[in-house]
Protein backbone atom coordinates (compact mmCIF):
# COMPACT_ATOMS: atom_id res chain seq x y z
CA UNK A 1 -23.35 29.69 -8.87
CA UNK A 2 -23.30 29.04 -5.10
CA UNK A 3 -23.70 25.29 -5.68
CA UNK A 4 -20.78 25.31 -8.12
CA UNK A 5 -18.56 27.17 -5.63
CA UNK A 6 -19.54 24.76 -2.83
CA UNK A 7 -18.74 21.73 -5.03
CA UNK A 8 -15.37 23.27 -5.98
CA UNK A 9 -14.55 23.97 -2.31
CA UNK A 10 -15.50 20.41 -1.32
CA UNK A 11 -13.28 19.03 -4.08
CA UNK A 12 -10.36 21.25 -3.06
CA UNK A 13 -10.70 20.25 0.62
CA UNK A 14 -10.73 16.55 -0.29
CA UNK A 15 -7.63 17.00 -2.45
CA UNK A 16 -5.78 18.90 0.31
CA UNK A 17 -6.73 16.20 2.84
CA UNK A 18 -5.37 13.45 0.56
CA UNK A 19 -2.10 15.37 0.09
CA UNK A 20 -1.76 15.93 3.85
CA UNK A 21 -2.41 12.26 4.68
CA UNK A 22 0.16 11.24 2.04
CA UNK A 23 2.88 12.87 4.21
CA UNK A 24 2.11 10.64 7.24
CA UNK A 25 4.42 7.73 8.04
CA UNK A 26 3.48 4.67 10.06
CA UNK A 27 5.60 5.96 12.95
CA UNK A 28 3.51 9.16 12.96
CA UNK A 29 0.35 7.05 13.38
CA UNK A 30 1.96 5.02 16.19
CA UNK A 31 3.45 7.79 18.37
CA UNK A 32 0.11 9.11 19.74
CA UNK A 33 -1.01 5.57 20.71
CA UNK A 34 1.35 5.16 23.69
CA UNK A 35 -0.49 3.11 26.33
CA UNK A 36 -3.31 2.08 23.98
CA UNK A 37 -4.20 -1.56 23.30
CA UNK A 38 -3.25 -2.77 19.82
CA UNK A 39 -3.02 -5.97 17.85
CA UNK A 40 -0.04 -6.17 15.49
CA UNK A 41 0.17 -8.65 12.62
CA UNK A 42 3.71 -9.53 11.47
CA UNK A 43 5.46 -11.27 8.59
CA UNK A 44 6.03 -14.88 9.63
CA UNK A 45 5.54 -14.14 13.32
CA UNK A 46 1.77 -14.12 13.65
CA UNK A 47 -0.02 -11.55 15.79
CA UNK A 48 0.97 -9.76 18.97
CA UNK A 49 -1.61 -8.18 21.27
CA UNK A 50 -0.87 -5.74 24.08
CA UNK A 51 -0.37 -2.06 24.77
CA UNK A 52 2.00 0.29 22.99
CA UNK A 53 4.98 0.71 25.32
CA UNK A 54 7.37 2.54 23.01
CA UNK A 55 7.92 3.75 19.47
CA UNK A 56 11.26 4.37 17.81
CA UNK A 57 12.29 5.53 14.38
CA UNK A 58 11.78 2.06 12.87
CA UNK A 59 10.32 -0.11 15.67
CA UNK A 60 7.33 -0.60 17.93
CA UNK A 61 7.44 -2.01 21.47
CA UNK A 62 4.31 -3.82 22.66
CA UNK A 63 3.84 -4.81 26.31
CA UNK A 64 2.07 -8.16 26.31
CA UNK A 65 0.44 -10.10 29.13
CA UNK A 66 2.60 -11.93 31.68
CA UNK A 67 5.30 -9.23 31.66
CA UNK A 68 6.43 -10.02 28.12
CA UNK A 69 7.55 -7.37 25.65
CA UNK A 70 7.74 -7.66 21.87
CA UNK A 71 10.06 -5.44 19.86
CA UNK A 72 8.73 -5.29 16.30
CA UNK A 73 10.53 -3.75 13.30
CA UNK A 74 8.06 -1.51 11.47
CA UNK A 75 8.88 -3.13 8.14
CA UNK A 76 7.80 -6.53 9.56
CA UNK A 77 4.28 -5.26 10.32
CA UNK A 78 1.57 -6.37 7.90
CA UNK A 79 -1.29 -4.68 9.74
CA UNK A 80 -2.51 -3.18 13.02
CA UNK A 81 -5.81 -2.74 14.80
CA UNK A 82 -6.61 -0.35 17.63
CA UNK A 83 -4.71 2.75 16.51
CA UNK A 84 -7.60 5.17 16.82
CA UNK A 85 -7.82 8.40 14.88
CA UNK A 86 -4.84 10.41 16.10
CA UNK A 87 -1.71 11.05 14.06
CA UNK A 88 1.40 12.99 15.09
CA UNK A 89 2.76 15.66 12.79
CA UNK A 90 5.44 14.26 10.48
CA UNK A 91 8.92 15.03 11.80
CA UNK A 92 7.66 16.19 15.21
CA UNK A 93 9.49 13.42 17.09
CA UNK A 94 12.65 15.49 17.41
CA UNK A 95 16.25 14.78 16.46
CA UNK A 96 17.06 12.45 19.37
CA UNK A 97 13.95 10.28 18.97
CA UNK A 98 14.56 10.06 15.23
CA UNK A 99 17.91 8.36 16.00
CA UNK A 100 16.37 5.70 18.27
CA UNK A 101 16.58 2.93 15.69
CA UNK A 102 16.08 -0.82 15.95
CA UNK A 103 19.82 -1.20 16.56
CA UNK A 104 19.54 1.11 19.57
CA UNK A 105 16.69 -0.95 21.05
CA UNK A 106 18.52 -4.24 20.42
CA UNK A 107 21.69 -2.91 22.06
CA UNK A 108 19.62 -2.27 25.20
CA UNK A 109 18.45 -5.88 25.19
CA UNK A 110 22.04 -7.08 24.66
CA UNK A 111 23.28 -4.88 27.50
CA UNK A 112 20.67 -6.37 29.85
CA UNK A 113 21.65 -9.93 28.81
CA UNK A 114 17.94 -10.68 28.61
CA UNK A 115 16.79 -14.04 27.31
CA UNK A 116 14.87 -13.58 24.07
CA UNK A 117 12.80 -15.46 21.57
CA UNK A 118 13.43 -14.16 18.06
CA UNK A 119 10.62 -14.87 15.59
CA UNK A 120 11.96 -14.79 12.06
CA UNK A 121 10.09 -13.84 8.91
CA UNK A 122 10.40 -17.40 7.60
CA UNK A 123 8.07 -18.46 10.48
CA UNK A 124 10.87 -20.08 12.52
CA UNK A 125 12.00 -18.99 15.98
CA UNK A 126 15.25 -19.14 17.95
CA UNK A 127 15.93 -18.54 21.62
CA UNK A 128 19.03 -17.23 23.31
CA UNK A 129 20.76 -14.00 24.27
CA UNK A 130 21.86 -11.18 22.00
CA UNK A 131 25.63 -10.73 22.19
CA UNK A 132 26.48 -8.04 19.66
CA UNK A 133 24.51 -5.60 17.53
CA UNK A 134 25.82 -4.19 14.27
CA UNK A 135 24.38 -1.60 11.91
CA UNK A 136 21.95 -4.02 10.24
CA UNK A 137 22.40 -7.35 12.04
CA UNK A 138 22.87 -8.89 15.47
CA UNK A 139 24.60 -11.98 16.76
CA UNK A 140 22.94 -14.16 19.35
CA UNK A 141 24.01 -17.16 21.35
CA UNK A 142 21.36 -19.80 20.71
CA UNK A 143 20.06 -21.76 23.68
CA UNK A 144 17.64 -24.63 24.12
CA UNK A 145 14.07 -23.75 25.07
CA UNK A 146 14.15 -25.50 28.45
CA UNK A 147 17.53 -24.27 29.63
CA UNK A 148 17.77 -20.82 28.14
CA UNK A 149 20.17 -19.40 30.74
CA UNK A 150 22.68 -22.25 31.17
CA UNK A 151 25.83 -21.53 29.19
CA UNK A 152 26.63 -25.21 28.66
CA UNK A 153 23.44 -25.46 26.60
CA UNK A 154 24.63 -22.93 24.03
CA UNK A 155 24.09 -24.37 20.55
CA UNK A 156 26.07 -21.79 18.63
CA UNK A 157 26.18 -18.23 17.45
CA UNK A 158 23.59 -17.13 14.92
CA UNK A 159 23.92 -13.94 12.90
CA UNK A 160 20.51 -12.43 12.17
CA UNK A 161 20.01 -9.58 9.70
CA UNK A 162 17.43 -7.03 10.86
CA UNK A 163 15.55 -7.72 7.61
CA UNK A 164 14.89 -11.29 8.79
CA UNK A 165 13.26 -10.37 12.13
CA UNK A 166 9.49 -10.53 12.64
CA UNK A 167 9.80 -9.63 16.34
CA UNK A 168 12.02 -10.06 19.41
CA UNK A 169 10.20 -11.11 22.59
CA UNK A 170 11.74 -10.81 26.06
CA UNK A 171 10.35 -11.36 29.51
């Protein structure tokens, strides 16, 4: 009888654990890893290695070597290594943090007029500066690789839907 009760308890605990884990989102796994080294694999953009520098509602910021930063939409991530075992409670990020979307992060880059390389999910990349950020897209002035800051080298304005971005890298 004791063995049967122990087996039933073990089965119930395993079932409860599976149900609890099913509530976790990727962002809940990422939030406790601030400052930890990770490797992120992306759609069309390859891999990015560095330390977790920020996590928003739908993005991850990785500080790379040589003072580079990569802003990665969560839906462009195909895998990660280095997360460890911690997970934040679902919904514990608070109301303000929950509103820090990819658009919010991109507006900060646009405000700073930072030069960026945008890796797209089709495995191409464009360089330039982000001019305007909409609800689900941004517009960037494309520049040549060698002369990224000279306005006379502007090639044109490209509109990029968020769904097409593998990552945005700035220095």
